[in-house]
N, C-alpha and C. Protein backbone atom coordinates (compact mmCIF):
# COMPACT_ATOMS: atom_id res chain seq x y z
N UNK A 1 -2.38 -4.71 -71.19
CA UNK A 1 -1.09 -4.38 -70.76
C UNK A 1 -1.18 -3.02 -70.09
N UNK A 2 -2.03 -2.08 -70.55
CA UNK A 2 -2.08 -0.79 -69.83
C UNK A 2 -2.70 -0.99 -68.41
N UNK A 3 -3.69 -2.03 -68.30
CA UNK A 3 -4.24 -2.15 -66.91
C UNK A 3 -3.32 -2.69 -65.96
N UNK A 4 -2.39 -3.64 -66.48
CA UNK A 4 -1.37 -4.14 -65.58
C UNK A 4 -0.45 -3.09 -65.12
N UNK A 5 -0.04 -2.26 -66.08
CA UNK A 5 0.86 -1.14 -65.65
C UNK A 5 0.19 -0.23 -64.70
N UNK A 6 -1.17 -0.03 -64.95
CA UNK A 6 -1.85 0.78 -63.87
C UNK A 6 -1.96 0.18 -62.59
N UNK A 7 -2.13 -1.13 -62.55
CA UNK A 7 -2.23 -1.92 -61.31
C UNK A 7 -0.92 -1.80 -60.69
N UNK A 8 0.16 -2.07 -61.45
CA UNK A 8 1.59 -2.02 -60.88
C UNK A 8 1.85 -0.56 -60.36
N UNK A 9 1.44 0.38 -61.10
CA UNK A 9 1.60 1.78 -60.81
C UNK A 9 0.90 2.02 -59.39
N UNK A 10 -0.31 1.55 -59.19
CA UNK A 10 -0.97 1.81 -57.98
C UNK A 10 -0.29 0.95 -56.81
N UNK A 11 0.18 -0.13 -57.12
CA UNK A 11 0.93 -0.96 -56.18
C UNK A 11 2.18 -0.26 -55.66
N UNK A 12 2.93 0.33 -56.60
CA UNK A 12 4.18 1.01 -56.29
C UNK A 12 3.85 2.20 -55.50
N UNK A 13 2.90 3.02 -55.94
CA UNK A 13 2.37 4.20 -55.14
C UNK A 13 1.96 3.87 -53.76
N UNK A 14 1.19 2.77 -53.60
CA UNK A 14 0.65 2.22 -52.40
C UNK A 14 1.92 1.97 -51.46
N UNK A 15 2.95 1.23 -52.05
CA UNK A 15 4.06 0.86 -51.33
C UNK A 15 4.86 1.99 -50.88
N UNK A 16 5.01 3.01 -51.78
CA UNK A 16 5.75 4.25 -51.31
C UNK A 16 4.91 5.02 -50.29
N UNK A 17 3.66 5.05 -50.37
CA UNK A 17 2.98 5.73 -49.24
C UNK A 17 3.01 5.00 -47.93
N UNK A 18 3.09 3.69 -47.97
CA UNK A 18 3.24 2.96 -46.71
C UNK A 18 4.68 3.31 -46.01
N UNK A 19 5.73 3.42 -46.93
CA UNK A 19 7.03 3.76 -46.41
C UNK A 19 7.01 5.20 -45.95
N UNK A 20 6.33 6.10 -46.57
CA UNK A 20 6.17 7.42 -46.17
C UNK A 20 5.49 7.54 -44.81
N UNK A 21 4.35 6.76 -44.73
CA UNK A 21 3.62 6.72 -43.48
C UNK A 21 4.32 6.17 -42.29
N UNK A 22 5.19 5.25 -42.54
CA UNK A 22 5.99 4.68 -41.51
C UNK A 22 7.11 5.73 -41.04
N UNK A 23 7.66 6.35 -42.05
CA UNK A 23 8.61 7.49 -41.71
C UNK A 23 7.91 8.60 -40.97
N UNK A 24 6.82 8.92 -41.34
CA UNK A 24 6.09 10.09 -40.69
C UNK A 24 5.74 9.62 -39.24
N UNK A 25 5.35 8.33 -39.05
CA UNK A 25 4.96 7.96 -37.73
C UNK A 25 6.17 7.90 -36.78
N UNK A 26 7.39 7.42 -37.38
CA UNK A 26 8.63 7.52 -36.57
C UNK A 26 8.94 8.89 -36.20
N UNK A 27 8.94 9.88 -37.13
CA UNK A 27 9.17 11.29 -36.89
C UNK A 27 8.22 11.79 -35.77
N UNK A 28 7.04 11.44 -35.96
CA UNK A 28 6.00 11.91 -35.00
C UNK A 28 6.32 11.42 -33.56
N UNK A 29 6.75 10.16 -33.44
CA UNK A 29 7.03 9.48 -32.23
C UNK A 29 8.28 10.31 -31.59
N UNK A 30 9.30 10.63 -32.43
CA UNK A 30 10.43 11.34 -31.86
C UNK A 30 10.02 12.78 -31.34
N UNK A 31 9.25 13.50 -32.13
CA UNK A 31 8.71 14.85 -31.82
C UNK A 31 7.92 14.64 -30.42
N UNK A 32 7.13 13.65 -30.48
CA UNK A 32 6.20 13.54 -29.20
C UNK A 32 7.13 13.24 -28.01
N UNK A 33 8.22 12.44 -28.10
CA UNK A 33 9.18 12.20 -27.06
C UNK A 33 9.75 13.47 -26.49
N UNK A 34 10.10 14.36 -27.31
CA UNK A 34 10.64 15.58 -27.00
C UNK A 34 9.61 16.48 -26.22
N UNK A 35 8.46 16.71 -26.89
CA UNK A 35 7.48 17.51 -26.35
C UNK A 35 6.81 16.91 -25.07
N UNK A 36 6.84 15.62 -24.92
CA UNK A 36 6.34 15.13 -23.62
C UNK A 36 7.19 15.56 -22.46
N UNK A 37 8.53 15.67 -22.76
CA UNK A 37 9.42 16.00 -21.60
C UNK A 37 9.33 17.57 -21.46
N UNK A 38 9.20 18.30 -22.45
CA UNK A 38 9.09 19.81 -22.40
C UNK A 38 7.67 20.17 -21.91
N UNK A 39 7.57 21.22 -21.01
CA UNK A 39 6.33 21.65 -20.58
C UNK A 39 6.15 21.88 -19.10
N UNK A 40 4.89 21.95 -18.67
CA UNK A 40 4.62 22.30 -17.30
C UNK A 40 4.60 21.00 -16.48
N UNK A 41 5.19 21.12 -15.25
CA UNK A 41 5.23 19.98 -14.35
C UNK A 41 4.80 20.45 -12.88
N UNK A 42 3.99 19.56 -12.27
CA UNK A 42 3.71 19.74 -10.87
C UNK A 42 4.73 19.09 -10.20
N UNK A 43 5.45 19.84 -9.34
CA UNK A 43 6.55 19.33 -8.55
C UNK A 43 5.99 19.10 -7.14
N UNK A 44 6.57 17.97 -6.52
CA UNK A 44 6.20 17.53 -5.20
C UNK A 44 7.39 16.92 -4.45
N UNK A 45 7.22 16.82 -3.15
CA UNK A 45 8.20 16.31 -2.37
C UNK A 45 8.01 14.87 -1.84
N UNK A 46 9.09 13.99 -1.85
CA UNK A 46 9.10 12.71 -1.29
C UNK A 46 10.56 12.58 -0.61
N UNK A 47 10.42 12.31 0.71
CA UNK A 47 11.79 12.09 1.32
C UNK A 47 12.75 13.21 1.11
N UNK A 48 12.42 14.39 1.14
CA UNK A 48 13.25 15.63 0.96
C UNK A 48 13.86 15.66 -0.46
N UNK A 49 13.36 14.94 -1.50
CA UNK A 49 13.68 15.14 -2.88
C UNK A 49 12.46 15.59 -3.63
N UNK A 50 12.82 16.41 -4.78
CA UNK A 50 11.83 16.91 -5.58
C UNK A 50 11.49 16.08 -6.83
N UNK A 51 10.29 15.69 -7.09
CA UNK A 51 9.88 15.05 -8.26
C UNK A 51 8.89 15.79 -9.04
N UNK A 52 8.65 15.56 -10.28
CA UNK A 52 7.73 16.25 -11.13
C UNK A 52 6.95 15.29 -11.97
N UNK A 53 5.61 15.63 -12.20
CA UNK A 53 4.83 14.84 -13.22
C UNK A 53 4.21 15.89 -14.07
N UNK A 54 3.94 15.48 -15.38
CA UNK A 54 3.36 16.38 -16.42
C UNK A 54 2.02 16.86 -15.80
N UNK A 55 1.73 18.21 -15.95
CA UNK A 55 0.61 18.80 -15.47
C UNK A 55 -0.64 18.33 -16.09
N UNK A 56 -0.43 17.83 -17.41
CA UNK A 56 -1.65 17.36 -18.03
C UNK A 56 -2.17 16.08 -17.49
N UNK A 57 -1.38 15.25 -16.74
CA UNK A 57 -1.76 14.08 -16.05
C UNK A 57 -2.54 14.42 -14.74
N UNK A 58 -2.22 15.57 -14.19
CA UNK A 58 -2.85 15.90 -12.82
C UNK A 58 -4.30 16.39 -13.07
N UNK A 59 -5.31 15.83 -12.35
CA UNK A 59 -6.61 16.17 -12.45
C UNK A 59 -7.10 17.04 -11.15
N UNK A 60 -6.45 16.74 -10.08
CA UNK A 60 -6.81 17.31 -8.80
C UNK A 60 -5.82 17.18 -7.74
N UNK A 61 -5.78 18.02 -6.80
CA UNK A 61 -4.88 17.93 -5.57
C UNK A 61 -5.92 18.10 -4.36
N UNK A 62 -5.92 16.95 -3.53
CA UNK A 62 -6.79 17.18 -2.31
C UNK A 62 -6.02 16.71 -1.01
N UNK A 63 -6.52 17.26 -0.01
CA UNK A 63 -5.89 16.98 1.30
C UNK A 63 -6.25 15.54 1.65
N UNK A 64 -5.57 14.93 2.62
CA UNK A 64 -5.76 13.57 3.05
C UNK A 64 -7.21 13.43 3.57
N UNK A 65 -7.70 12.32 3.27
CA UNK A 65 -9.12 12.00 3.62
C UNK A 65 -9.16 10.52 4.00
N UNK A 66 -10.30 10.05 4.57
CA UNK A 66 -10.34 8.72 4.96
C UNK A 66 -10.13 7.77 3.71
N UNK A 67 -9.36 6.69 3.89
CA UNK A 67 -9.05 5.73 2.78
C UNK A 67 -9.50 4.38 3.29
N UNK A 68 -10.35 3.73 2.48
CA UNK A 68 -10.90 2.47 2.77
C UNK A 68 -9.96 1.42 2.19
N UNK A 69 -9.40 0.50 3.09
CA UNK A 69 -8.37 -0.53 2.77
C UNK A 69 -9.09 -1.61 1.89
N UNK A 70 -8.22 -2.08 0.92
CA UNK A 70 -8.64 -3.20 0.13
C UNK A 70 -7.74 -4.38 0.48
N UNK A 71 -8.50 -5.58 0.89
CA UNK A 71 -7.71 -6.69 1.26
C UNK A 71 -6.84 -7.26 0.12
N UNK A 72 -5.81 -8.01 0.55
CA UNK A 72 -4.98 -8.70 -0.41
C UNK A 72 -4.35 -7.76 -1.48
N UNK A 73 -3.92 -6.54 -1.11
CA UNK A 73 -3.19 -5.67 -2.07
C UNK A 73 -1.83 -5.42 -1.40
N UNK A 74 -0.87 -5.07 -2.25
CA UNK A 74 0.45 -4.82 -1.74
C UNK A 74 0.46 -3.52 -0.75
N UNK A 75 1.40 -3.42 0.16
CA UNK A 75 1.49 -2.41 1.14
C UNK A 75 1.41 -0.99 0.61
N UNK A 76 1.92 -0.82 -0.54
CA UNK A 76 1.90 0.60 -1.03
C UNK A 76 0.52 1.01 -1.64
N UNK A 77 -0.36 0.06 -1.90
CA UNK A 77 -1.72 0.42 -2.25
C UNK A 77 -2.49 0.62 -0.96
N UNK A 78 -2.86 1.83 -0.68
CA UNK A 78 -3.46 2.14 0.51
C UNK A 78 -4.99 1.76 0.60
N UNK A 79 -5.64 1.76 -0.61
CA UNK A 79 -7.06 1.51 -0.72
C UNK A 79 -7.62 2.36 -1.72
N UNK A 80 -8.95 2.79 -1.39
CA UNK A 80 -9.74 3.57 -2.25
C UNK A 80 -10.35 4.71 -1.41
N UNK A 81 -10.68 5.89 -2.12
CA UNK A 81 -11.48 6.90 -1.56
C UNK A 81 -12.72 7.26 -2.37
N UNK A 82 -13.69 7.87 -1.65
CA UNK A 82 -14.83 8.29 -2.39
C UNK A 82 -14.76 9.86 -2.68
N UNK A 83 -14.36 10.15 -3.85
CA UNK A 83 -14.22 11.52 -4.30
C UNK A 83 -15.47 12.03 -5.03
N UNK A 84 -16.37 12.64 -4.43
CA UNK A 84 -17.61 13.15 -5.09
C UNK A 84 -18.35 12.01 -5.83
N UNK A 85 -18.42 10.82 -5.20
CA UNK A 85 -19.23 9.78 -5.64
C UNK A 85 -18.52 8.85 -6.60
N UNK A 86 -17.19 9.11 -6.78
CA UNK A 86 -16.41 8.18 -7.68
C UNK A 86 -15.36 7.57 -6.83
N UNK A 87 -15.24 6.25 -6.92
CA UNK A 87 -14.21 5.50 -6.16
C UNK A 87 -12.89 5.67 -6.94
N UNK A 88 -11.86 6.06 -6.17
CA UNK A 88 -10.65 6.30 -6.76
C UNK A 88 -9.56 5.47 -5.95
N UNK A 89 -8.78 4.61 -6.69
CA UNK A 89 -7.65 3.86 -6.01
C UNK A 89 -6.57 4.81 -5.51
N UNK A 90 -5.94 4.49 -4.36
CA UNK A 90 -4.84 5.40 -3.88
C UNK A 90 -3.63 4.56 -3.61
N UNK A 91 -2.47 5.12 -3.97
CA UNK A 91 -1.22 4.46 -3.92
C UNK A 91 -0.30 5.51 -3.07
N UNK A 92 0.45 5.00 -2.10
CA UNK A 92 1.46 5.79 -1.30
C UNK A 92 2.69 5.71 -2.06
N UNK A 93 3.09 6.85 -2.86
CA UNK A 93 4.26 6.83 -3.64
C UNK A 93 5.53 6.60 -2.90
N UNK A 94 5.63 7.05 -1.73
CA UNK A 94 6.66 6.84 -0.82
C UNK A 94 7.04 5.25 -0.68
N UNK A 95 5.96 4.59 -0.31
CA UNK A 95 6.13 3.09 -0.20
C UNK A 95 6.30 2.45 -1.57
N UNK A 96 5.68 3.08 -2.58
CA UNK A 96 5.92 2.38 -4.05
C UNK A 96 7.39 2.43 -4.36
N UNK A 97 8.03 3.57 -4.01
CA UNK A 97 9.50 3.80 -4.23
C UNK A 97 10.42 3.05 -3.22
N UNK A 98 9.76 2.32 -2.25
CA UNK A 98 10.67 1.53 -1.27
C UNK A 98 11.20 2.41 -0.18
N UNK A 99 10.60 3.66 0.03
CA UNK A 99 11.09 4.48 1.07
C UNK A 99 10.48 4.10 2.43
N UNK A 100 10.98 4.51 3.41
CA UNK A 100 10.46 4.19 4.80
C UNK A 100 9.08 4.90 4.93
N UNK A 101 8.09 4.24 5.54
CA UNK A 101 6.82 4.87 5.80
C UNK A 101 6.99 6.15 6.76
N UNK A 102 6.08 7.13 6.61
CA UNK A 102 6.14 8.30 7.33
C UNK A 102 4.75 8.65 7.78
N UNK A 103 4.58 9.19 9.03
CA UNK A 103 3.27 9.71 9.47
C UNK A 103 2.86 10.83 8.54
N UNK A 104 1.60 10.79 8.19
CA UNK A 104 1.03 11.88 7.30
C UNK A 104 0.87 13.18 8.20
N UNK A 105 1.26 14.26 7.48
CA UNK A 105 1.22 15.62 8.06
C UNK A 105 0.14 16.41 7.46
N UNK A 106 0.02 17.72 7.85
CA UNK A 106 -0.85 18.72 7.29
C UNK A 106 -0.46 18.98 5.79
N UNK A 107 0.84 18.75 5.49
CA UNK A 107 1.21 18.98 4.08
C UNK A 107 1.00 17.76 3.15
N UNK A 108 0.88 16.58 3.79
CA UNK A 108 0.53 15.34 2.95
C UNK A 108 -0.65 15.48 2.23
N UNK A 109 -0.57 15.15 0.95
CA UNK A 109 -1.84 15.26 0.17
C UNK A 109 -1.82 14.11 -0.91
N UNK A 110 -3.02 14.05 -1.58
CA UNK A 110 -3.26 13.09 -2.68
C UNK A 110 -3.40 13.91 -3.89
N UNK A 111 -2.52 13.50 -4.98
CA UNK A 111 -2.65 14.02 -6.29
C UNK A 111 -3.40 13.05 -7.06
N UNK A 112 -4.54 13.38 -7.66
CA UNK A 112 -5.35 12.55 -8.41
C UNK A 112 -4.90 12.70 -9.85
N UNK A 113 -4.41 11.67 -10.43
CA UNK A 113 -3.83 11.66 -11.81
C UNK A 113 -4.58 10.77 -12.79
N UNK A 114 -4.46 11.08 -13.98
CA UNK A 114 -5.11 10.30 -15.02
C UNK A 114 -4.22 9.25 -15.62
N UNK A 115 -4.51 8.02 -15.63
CA UNK A 115 -3.58 7.01 -16.02
C UNK A 115 -4.27 6.11 -17.02
N UNK A 116 -3.46 5.61 -18.02
CA UNK A 116 -3.97 4.70 -19.08
C UNK A 116 -4.02 3.25 -18.57
N UNK A 117 -5.17 2.67 -18.79
CA UNK A 117 -5.41 1.26 -18.44
C UNK A 117 -5.98 0.53 -19.67
N UNK A 118 -5.11 -0.04 -20.35
CA UNK A 118 -5.41 -0.82 -21.73
C UNK A 118 -6.19 0.26 -22.58
N UNK A 119 -7.44 0.02 -22.81
CA UNK A 119 -8.11 0.92 -23.76
C UNK A 119 -8.93 2.03 -23.01
N UNK A 120 -8.84 2.12 -21.74
CA UNK A 120 -9.57 3.22 -21.03
C UNK A 120 -8.66 4.04 -20.21
N UNK A 121 -9.17 5.13 -19.65
CA UNK A 121 -8.51 6.06 -18.85
C UNK A 121 -9.13 5.87 -17.40
N UNK A 122 -8.30 5.83 -16.37
CA UNK A 122 -8.72 5.74 -15.02
C UNK A 122 -8.09 6.87 -14.13
N UNK A 123 -8.69 7.18 -13.16
CA UNK A 123 -8.05 8.02 -12.13
C UNK A 123 -7.60 7.33 -10.95
N UNK A 124 -6.38 7.71 -10.51
CA UNK A 124 -5.73 7.07 -9.28
C UNK A 124 -5.21 8.13 -8.52
N UNK A 125 -5.21 8.09 -7.14
CA UNK A 125 -4.65 9.06 -6.29
C UNK A 125 -3.27 8.49 -5.89
N UNK A 126 -2.32 9.48 -5.81
CA UNK A 126 -1.03 9.14 -5.29
C UNK A 126 -0.72 10.09 -4.06
N UNK A 127 -0.28 9.39 -2.92
CA UNK A 127 -0.03 10.17 -1.75
C UNK A 127 1.47 10.71 -1.80
N UNK A 128 1.66 12.00 -1.60
CA UNK A 128 3.06 12.51 -1.60
C UNK A 128 3.08 13.42 -0.22
N UNK A 129 4.45 13.58 0.06
CA UNK A 129 4.78 14.38 1.37
C UNK A 129 4.14 15.71 1.29
N UNK A 130 4.25 16.42 0.05
CA UNK A 130 3.74 17.74 -0.08
C UNK A 130 3.93 18.19 -1.54
N UNK A 131 3.07 19.05 -1.97
CA UNK A 131 3.13 19.65 -3.35
C UNK A 131 3.97 20.95 -3.28
N UNK A 132 4.88 21.23 -4.24
CA UNK A 132 5.67 22.33 -4.29
C UNK A 132 5.15 23.49 -5.14
N UNK A 133 5.28 23.31 -6.51
CA UNK A 133 4.73 24.31 -7.43
C UNK A 133 4.73 23.72 -8.74
N UNK A 134 4.20 24.58 -9.68
CA UNK A 134 4.16 24.19 -11.02
C UNK A 134 5.22 24.84 -11.77
N UNK A 135 6.03 24.14 -12.50
CA UNK A 135 7.22 24.69 -13.13
C UNK A 135 7.20 24.42 -14.69
N UNK A 136 7.49 25.48 -15.46
CA UNK A 136 7.65 25.38 -16.86
C UNK A 136 9.01 24.95 -17.20
N UNK A 137 9.20 23.66 -17.67
CA UNK A 137 10.68 23.21 -17.79
C UNK A 137 10.90 23.06 -19.36
N UNK A 138 12.00 23.66 -19.72
CA UNK A 138 12.47 23.64 -21.19
C UNK A 138 13.28 22.52 -21.51
N UNK A 139 13.16 22.19 -22.82
CA UNK A 139 14.10 21.02 -23.23
C UNK A 139 15.44 21.02 -22.89
N UNK A 140 16.01 22.22 -23.01
CA UNK A 140 17.50 22.39 -22.69
C UNK A 140 17.86 22.15 -21.20
N UNK A 141 16.83 22.27 -20.41
CA UNK A 141 17.05 22.01 -18.84
C UNK A 141 16.82 20.52 -18.55
N UNK A 142 16.50 19.73 -19.46
CA UNK A 142 16.30 18.32 -19.09
C UNK A 142 17.29 17.45 -19.76
N UNK A 143 17.85 16.62 -18.89
CA UNK A 143 18.88 15.58 -19.40
C UNK A 143 18.28 14.21 -19.34
N UNK A 144 18.87 13.42 -20.11
CA UNK A 144 18.40 11.96 -20.07
C UNK A 144 18.60 11.30 -18.81
N UNK A 145 17.91 10.27 -18.42
CA UNK A 145 18.13 9.63 -17.11
C UNK A 145 19.55 8.94 -17.30
N UNK A 146 20.47 9.11 -16.36
CA UNK A 146 21.71 8.42 -16.38
C UNK A 146 21.63 6.93 -16.26
N UNK A 147 22.60 6.22 -16.73
CA UNK A 147 22.61 4.78 -16.60
C UNK A 147 23.13 4.47 -15.21
N UNK A 148 22.41 3.64 -14.40
CA UNK A 148 22.82 3.22 -13.11
C UNK A 148 23.21 1.76 -13.10
N UNK A 149 23.30 1.14 -14.21
CA UNK A 149 23.66 -0.24 -14.31
C UNK A 149 22.67 -1.07 -15.06
N UNK A 150 22.94 -2.30 -15.45
CA UNK A 150 22.11 -2.95 -16.33
C UNK A 150 20.83 -3.59 -15.57
N UNK A 151 21.01 -3.90 -14.28
CA UNK A 151 19.94 -4.53 -13.58
C UNK A 151 18.94 -3.48 -12.93
N UNK A 152 19.15 -2.19 -13.10
CA UNK A 152 18.29 -1.20 -12.60
C UNK A 152 17.27 -0.73 -13.59
N UNK A 153 16.00 -0.83 -13.35
CA UNK A 153 15.09 -0.33 -14.29
C UNK A 153 14.77 1.22 -13.99
N UNK A 154 15.00 2.03 -14.99
CA UNK A 154 14.63 3.47 -14.72
C UNK A 154 13.70 3.92 -15.87
N UNK A 155 12.99 2.97 -16.45
CA UNK A 155 11.99 3.41 -17.57
C UNK A 155 10.85 4.40 -17.06
N UNK A 156 10.69 4.45 -15.82
CA UNK A 156 9.70 5.28 -15.17
C UNK A 156 10.12 6.73 -15.02
N UNK A 157 11.42 6.93 -15.22
CA UNK A 157 11.92 8.34 -15.26
C UNK A 157 12.03 8.89 -16.61
N UNK A 158 11.27 10.09 -16.81
CA UNK A 158 11.39 10.82 -18.15
C UNK A 158 12.65 11.45 -18.35
N UNK A 159 13.25 12.03 -17.19
CA UNK A 159 14.44 12.75 -17.43
C UNK A 159 14.71 13.42 -16.08
N UNK A 160 15.88 14.20 -16.03
CA UNK A 160 16.33 14.85 -14.89
C UNK A 160 16.46 16.34 -15.32
N UNK A 161 15.56 17.21 -14.50
CA UNK A 161 15.50 18.61 -14.77
C UNK A 161 16.58 19.32 -13.92
N UNK A 162 17.49 20.09 -14.56
CA UNK A 162 18.48 20.93 -13.81
C UNK A 162 17.95 22.20 -13.62
N UNK A 163 17.56 22.51 -12.36
CA UNK A 163 16.99 23.83 -12.03
C UNK A 163 17.48 24.31 -10.63
N UNK A 164 17.87 25.70 -10.62
CA UNK A 164 18.34 26.24 -9.45
C UNK A 164 19.47 25.54 -8.79
N UNK A 165 20.41 24.99 -9.40
CA UNK A 165 21.51 24.26 -8.86
C UNK A 165 21.12 22.92 -8.33
N UNK A 166 19.95 22.48 -8.50
CA UNK A 166 19.55 21.03 -8.11
C UNK A 166 18.95 20.32 -9.24
N UNK A 167 18.51 19.21 -8.83
CA UNK A 167 17.90 18.20 -9.83
C UNK A 167 16.50 17.74 -9.49
N UNK A 168 15.57 17.91 -10.37
CA UNK A 168 14.20 17.44 -10.14
C UNK A 168 13.99 16.22 -11.00
N UNK A 169 13.50 15.14 -10.46
CA UNK A 169 13.28 13.92 -11.19
C UNK A 169 11.93 13.88 -11.73
N UNK A 170 12.00 13.87 -13.21
CA UNK A 170 10.65 13.87 -13.92
C UNK A 170 10.19 12.51 -14.13
N UNK A 171 8.89 12.23 -13.72
CA UNK A 171 8.31 10.82 -13.72
C UNK A 171 7.43 10.60 -14.89
N UNK A 172 7.48 9.48 -15.38
CA UNK A 172 6.31 8.95 -16.24
C UNK A 172 5.36 8.19 -15.35
N UNK A 173 4.27 8.92 -14.93
CA UNK A 173 3.47 8.39 -13.86
C UNK A 173 2.83 7.09 -14.20
N UNK A 174 2.57 6.91 -15.51
CA UNK A 174 1.82 5.61 -15.89
C UNK A 174 2.89 4.54 -15.61
N UNK A 175 4.04 4.70 -15.91
CA UNK A 175 4.99 3.60 -15.60
C UNK A 175 5.37 3.46 -14.17
N UNK A 176 5.28 4.58 -13.41
CA UNK A 176 5.52 4.57 -12.11
C UNK A 176 4.50 3.65 -11.32
N UNK A 177 3.27 3.89 -11.67
CA UNK A 177 2.14 3.15 -11.16
C UNK A 177 2.05 1.82 -11.74
N UNK A 178 2.75 1.47 -12.90
CA UNK A 178 2.60 0.32 -13.57
C UNK A 178 1.10 0.02 -13.77
N UNK A 179 0.44 1.03 -14.18
CA UNK A 179 -0.96 1.19 -14.10
C UNK A 179 -1.77 -0.07 -14.60
N UNK A 180 -1.31 -0.77 -15.56
CA UNK A 180 -1.96 -1.92 -16.03
C UNK A 180 -2.15 -3.10 -14.96
N UNK A 181 -1.02 -3.20 -14.07
CA UNK A 181 -1.23 -4.22 -13.11
C UNK A 181 -1.78 -3.71 -11.73
N UNK A 182 -1.27 -2.63 -11.24
CA UNK A 182 -1.70 -2.07 -10.05
C UNK A 182 -3.26 -1.71 -9.98
N UNK A 183 -3.67 -0.95 -10.90
CA UNK A 183 -5.00 -0.40 -10.90
C UNK A 183 -5.97 -1.55 -11.16
N UNK A 184 -5.54 -2.45 -12.11
CA UNK A 184 -6.59 -3.56 -12.40
C UNK A 184 -6.72 -4.49 -11.19
N UNK A 185 -5.61 -4.57 -10.46
CA UNK A 185 -5.64 -5.40 -9.15
C UNK A 185 -6.59 -4.76 -8.22
N UNK A 186 -6.72 -3.54 -8.00
CA UNK A 186 -7.55 -2.92 -7.12
C UNK A 186 -9.00 -2.96 -7.64
N UNK A 187 -9.18 -2.66 -8.92
CA UNK A 187 -10.49 -2.63 -9.44
C UNK A 187 -11.10 -4.04 -9.47
N UNK A 188 -10.29 -5.05 -9.69
CA UNK A 188 -10.83 -6.49 -9.68
C UNK A 188 -11.18 -6.92 -8.20
N UNK A 189 -10.38 -6.43 -7.23
CA UNK A 189 -10.72 -6.77 -5.81
C UNK A 189 -11.97 -6.17 -5.45
N UNK A 190 -12.36 -5.05 -5.98
CA UNK A 190 -13.66 -4.34 -5.59
C UNK A 190 -14.88 -5.09 -6.02
N UNK A 191 -14.65 -5.81 -7.14
CA UNK A 191 -15.88 -6.47 -7.76
C UNK A 191 -16.17 -7.73 -7.05
């Protein structure tokens, strides 16, 4: 009888630990959501609007360089570059957002970001009109993304930063790139 009680006791403790683990994971996700939004952002321009991406996602900022086209890719995927011996896919963020194309200028640059692709991390370049600055944005300066209607997908926007009388759109770059499909399309075409 004592063994059964011990086994039951272990089962109950184990069950309580699972509930506690689930609660801790949920709290951890909520804290992570807040801290993901708070922090340093690299801001850049697209079509006279200011956007920001988390500085920890940024690996490098480079000037425009020759881009090798990859056949059978969408118009916004410009191709690949050779960055110090590493092949990096490049996306024109202006075209990705459905904005009109624009000639590249001396301010146009490629931001190389780190993106999650299934179980691995890949680097991808995004072409922007120009880089502005790195800003430290506090939680109280960030508002949730407003609702634009039921048919409009805004999951790629982390929030809206209210700064200097204006608004900066903070992006979840992984969702913007839809990394799992766009990047794998480029990588598969190369093989």
